[in-house]
C-alpha atoms as a PDB file:
ATOM      1  CA  MET A   1      -2.317   7.405   9.676  1.00  0.00           C
ATOM      2  CA  ILE A   2      -1.912   9.712  12.701  1.00  0.00           C
ATOM      3  CA  SER A   3      -1.571  13.432  12.924  1.00  0.00           C
ATOM      4  CA  ARG A   4       1.840  14.997  13.759  1.00  0.00           C
ATOM      5  CA  ARG A   5       0.202  16.805  16.685  1.00  0.00           C
ATOM      6  CA  ARG A   6      -1.118  13.587  18.202  1.00  0.00           C
ATOM      7  CA  ALA A   7       2.134  11.680  17.584  1.00  0.00           C
ATOM      8  CA  GLU A   8       4.033  14.373  19.466  1.00  0.00           C
ATOM      9  CA  GLU A   9       1.438  14.405  22.258  1.00  0.00           C
ATOM     10  CA  VAL A  10       1.988  10.696  22.918  1.00  0.00           C
ATOM     11  CA  GLY A  11       5.740  11.203  22.703  1.00  0.00           C
ATOM     12  CA  SER A  12       6.363   8.670  19.968  1.00  0.00           C
ATOM     13  CA  PHE A  13       7.101  10.716  16.801  1.00  0.00           C
ATOM     14  CA  ILE A  14       9.955   9.183  14.821  1.00  0.00           C
ATOM     15  CA  PRO A  15      11.033  11.530  11.960  1.00  0.00           C
ATOM     16  CA  LEU A  16      11.771  10.127   8.544  1.00  0.00           C
ATOM     17  CA  SER A  17      15.116  11.014   6.915  1.00  0.00           C
ATOM     18  CA  GLU A  18      13.241  11.471   3.609  1.00  0.00           C
ATOM     19  CA  PRO A  19       9.600  12.636   4.010  1.00  0.00           C
ATOM     20  CA  TYR A  20       7.286  11.811   1.101  1.00  0.00           C
ATOM     21  CA  GLU A  21       3.804  12.636  -0.221  1.00  0.00           C
ATOM     22  CA  LEU A  22       0.696  10.421  -0.766  1.00  0.00           C
ATOM     23  CA  ARG A  23      -2.033  11.403  -3.206  1.00  0.00           C
ATOM     24  CA  THR A  24      -5.514  11.477  -1.833  1.00  0.00           C
ATOM     25  CA  ALA A  25      -8.981  11.096  -3.391  1.00  0.00           C
ATOM     26  CA  ASP A  26      -9.367  14.902  -3.619  1.00  0.00           C
ATOM     27  CA  LYS A  27      -8.262  16.407  -6.932  1.00  0.00           C
ATOM     28  CA  GLY A  28      -4.742  17.649  -6.323  1.00  0.00           C
ATOM     29  CA  GLY A  29      -4.873  16.511  -2.664  1.00  0.00           C
ATOM     30  CA  LYS A  30      -1.733  15.235  -0.976  1.00  0.00           C
ATOM     31  CA  LEU A  31      -0.685  14.114   2.488  1.00  0.00           C
ATOM     32  CA  ARG A  32       2.847  14.968   3.656  1.00  0.00           C
ATOM     33  CA  ILE A  33       4.258  11.912   5.482  1.00  0.00           C
ATOM     34  CA  SER A  34       7.100  13.097   7.756  1.00  0.00           C
ATOM     35  CA  GLY A  35       7.580  10.219  10.199  1.00  0.00           C
ATOM     36  CA  GLN A  36       6.239   7.233  12.032  1.00  0.00           C
ATOM     37  CA  CYS A  37       4.624   6.692  15.456  1.00  0.00           C
ATOM     38  CA  LEU A  38       4.833   3.397  17.387  1.00  0.00           C
ATOM     39  CA  VAL A  39       2.074   3.094  20.013  1.00  0.00           C
ATOM     40  CA  GLU A  40      -0.007   0.672  21.972  1.00  0.00           C
ATOM     41  CA  VAL A  41      -3.604   0.606  20.677  1.00  0.00           C
ATOM     42  CA  VAL A  42      -7.003  -0.072  22.286  1.00  0.00           C
ATOM     43  CA  PHE A  43      -9.542  -0.161  19.513  1.00  0.00           C
ATOM     44  CA  GLN A  44     -13.239  -0.250  20.446  1.00  0.00           C
ATOM     45  CA  GLU A  45     -12.249  -1.428  23.955  1.00  0.00           C
ATOM     46  CA  VAL A  46     -10.078  -4.324  22.568  1.00  0.00           C
ATOM     47  CA  ARG A  47      -6.372  -4.149  23.286  1.00  0.00           C
ATOM     48  CA  VAL A  48      -4.253  -4.884  20.201  1.00  0.00           C
ATOM     49  CA  PRO A  49      -1.224  -7.046  21.169  1.00  0.00           C
ATOM     50  CA  GLY A  50       2.193  -5.420  20.913  1.00  0.00           C
ATOM     51  CA  ARG A  51       2.498  -2.011  19.318  1.00  0.00           C
ATOM     52  CA  VAL A  52       1.197  -0.528  16.084  1.00  0.00           C
ATOM     53  CA  LEU A  53       3.226   1.535  13.631  1.00  0.00           C
ATOM     54  CA  PHE A  54       1.328   4.509  12.083  1.00  0.00           C
ATOM     55  CA  GLU A  55       2.549   6.876   9.383  1.00  0.00           C
ATOM     56  CA  VAL A  56       2.601  10.459  10.600  1.00  0.00           C
ATOM     57  CA  ALA A  57       0.886  13.015   8.318  1.00  0.00           C
ATOM     58  CA  GLU A  58       1.815  16.704   8.624  1.00  0.00           C
ATOM     59  CA  ASN A  59      -1.383  18.024   7.072  1.00  0.00           C
ATOM     60  CA  LEU A  60      -4.331  15.985   8.255  1.00  0.00           C
ATOM     61  CA  ARG A  61      -7.481  18.075   8.738  1.00  0.00           C
ATOM     62  CA  GLU A  62      -7.465  19.754  12.165  1.00  0.00           C
ATOM     63  CA  ASP A  63     -10.583  17.744  13.272  1.00  0.00           C
ATOM     64  CA  LEU A  64      -8.777  14.389  12.539  1.00  0.00           C
ATOM     65  CA  ASP A  65      -6.166  12.794  14.777  1.00  0.00           C
ATOM     66  CA  LEU A  66      -6.226   9.238  13.515  1.00  0.00           C
ATOM     67  CA  ILE A  67      -7.305   7.270  10.447  1.00  0.00           C
ATOM     68  CA  VAL A  68      -7.558   3.501  10.744  1.00  0.00           C
ATOM     69  CA  GLY A  69      -8.168   1.473   7.611  1.00  0.00           C
ATOM     70  CA  ARG A  70      -9.844  -1.853   7.153  1.00  0.00           C
ATOM     71  CA  PRO A  71      -6.515  -3.618   6.459  1.00  0.00           C
ATOM     72  CA  GLU A  72      -5.236  -2.588   9.930  1.00  0.00           C
ATOM     73  CA  ILE A  73      -8.392  -3.775  11.636  1.00  0.00           C
ATOM     74  CA  ASP A  74      -8.192  -7.100   9.790  1.00  0.00           C
ATOM     75  CA  SER A  75      -4.519  -7.528  10.733  1.00  0.00           C
ATOM     76  CA  TRP A  76      -5.375  -6.895  14.399  1.00  0.00           C
ATOM     77  CA  ASP A  77      -7.810  -9.802  14.231  1.00  0.00           C
ATOM     78  CA  ILE A  78     -10.676  -7.908  15.850  1.00  0.00           C
ATOM     79  CA  ILE A  79     -14.224  -9.092  15.055  1.00  0.00           C
ATOM     80  CA  PHE A  80     -17.469  -7.226  15.633  1.00  0.00           C
ATOM     81  CA  THR A  81     -20.292  -9.180  17.232  1.00  0.00           C
ATOM     82  CA  SER A  82     -23.693  -8.318  18.655  1.00  0.00           C
ATOM     83  CA  GLU A  83     -22.023  -8.295  22.127  1.00  0.00           C
ATOM     84  CA  GLY A  84     -19.364  -5.868  20.908  1.00  0.00           C
ATOM     85  CA  PRO A  85     -15.904  -6.091  19.429  1.00  0.00           C
ATOM     86  CA  ARG A  86     -13.501  -8.742  20.640  1.00  0.00           C
ATOM     87  CA  PRO A  87     -10.236 -10.449  19.579  1.00  0.00           C
ATOM     88  CA  ARG A  88     -10.898 -13.234  16.991  1.00  0.00           C
ATOM     89  CA  LYS A  89      -8.760 -15.694  18.974  1.00  0.00           C
ATOM     90  CA  VAL A  90      -8.660 -15.745  22.730  1.00  0.00           C
ATOM     91  CA  PRO A  91      -5.966 -16.166  23.821  1.00  0.00           C
ATOM     92  CA  ILE A  92      -4.421 -14.411  20.903  1.00  0.00           C
ATOM     93  CA  GLU A  93      -2.187 -16.690  18.856  1.00  0.00           C
ATOM     94  CA  PHE A  94       0.736 -15.689  16.694  1.00  0.00           C
ATOM     95  CA  GLU A  95       2.052 -17.604  13.716  1.00  0.00           C
ATOM     96  CA  ILE A  96       5.794 -17.643  13.310  1.00  0.00           C
ATOM     97  CA  VAL A  97       6.827 -17.912   9.683  1.00  0.00           C
END
């Protein structure tokens, strides 16, 4: 999830034809999803291969620009070691299904 402000700053905001809402853990809380943002990512000094598609939220808190969940980190195949984060496979391998 990325804020609309940050998506526009990186010049990669792609509006949705039909925005939607997601419920949050707060009672009555909702996030307005208005688009997508396709960007290159460096996470904890590890470059994620290709580009990553984030949903764009109109109403993230002002002090938040980006929310990365555990499923994304797992899909990027980054592991955390005592020497720091690194790609799980070097060189990175892709499976074609």
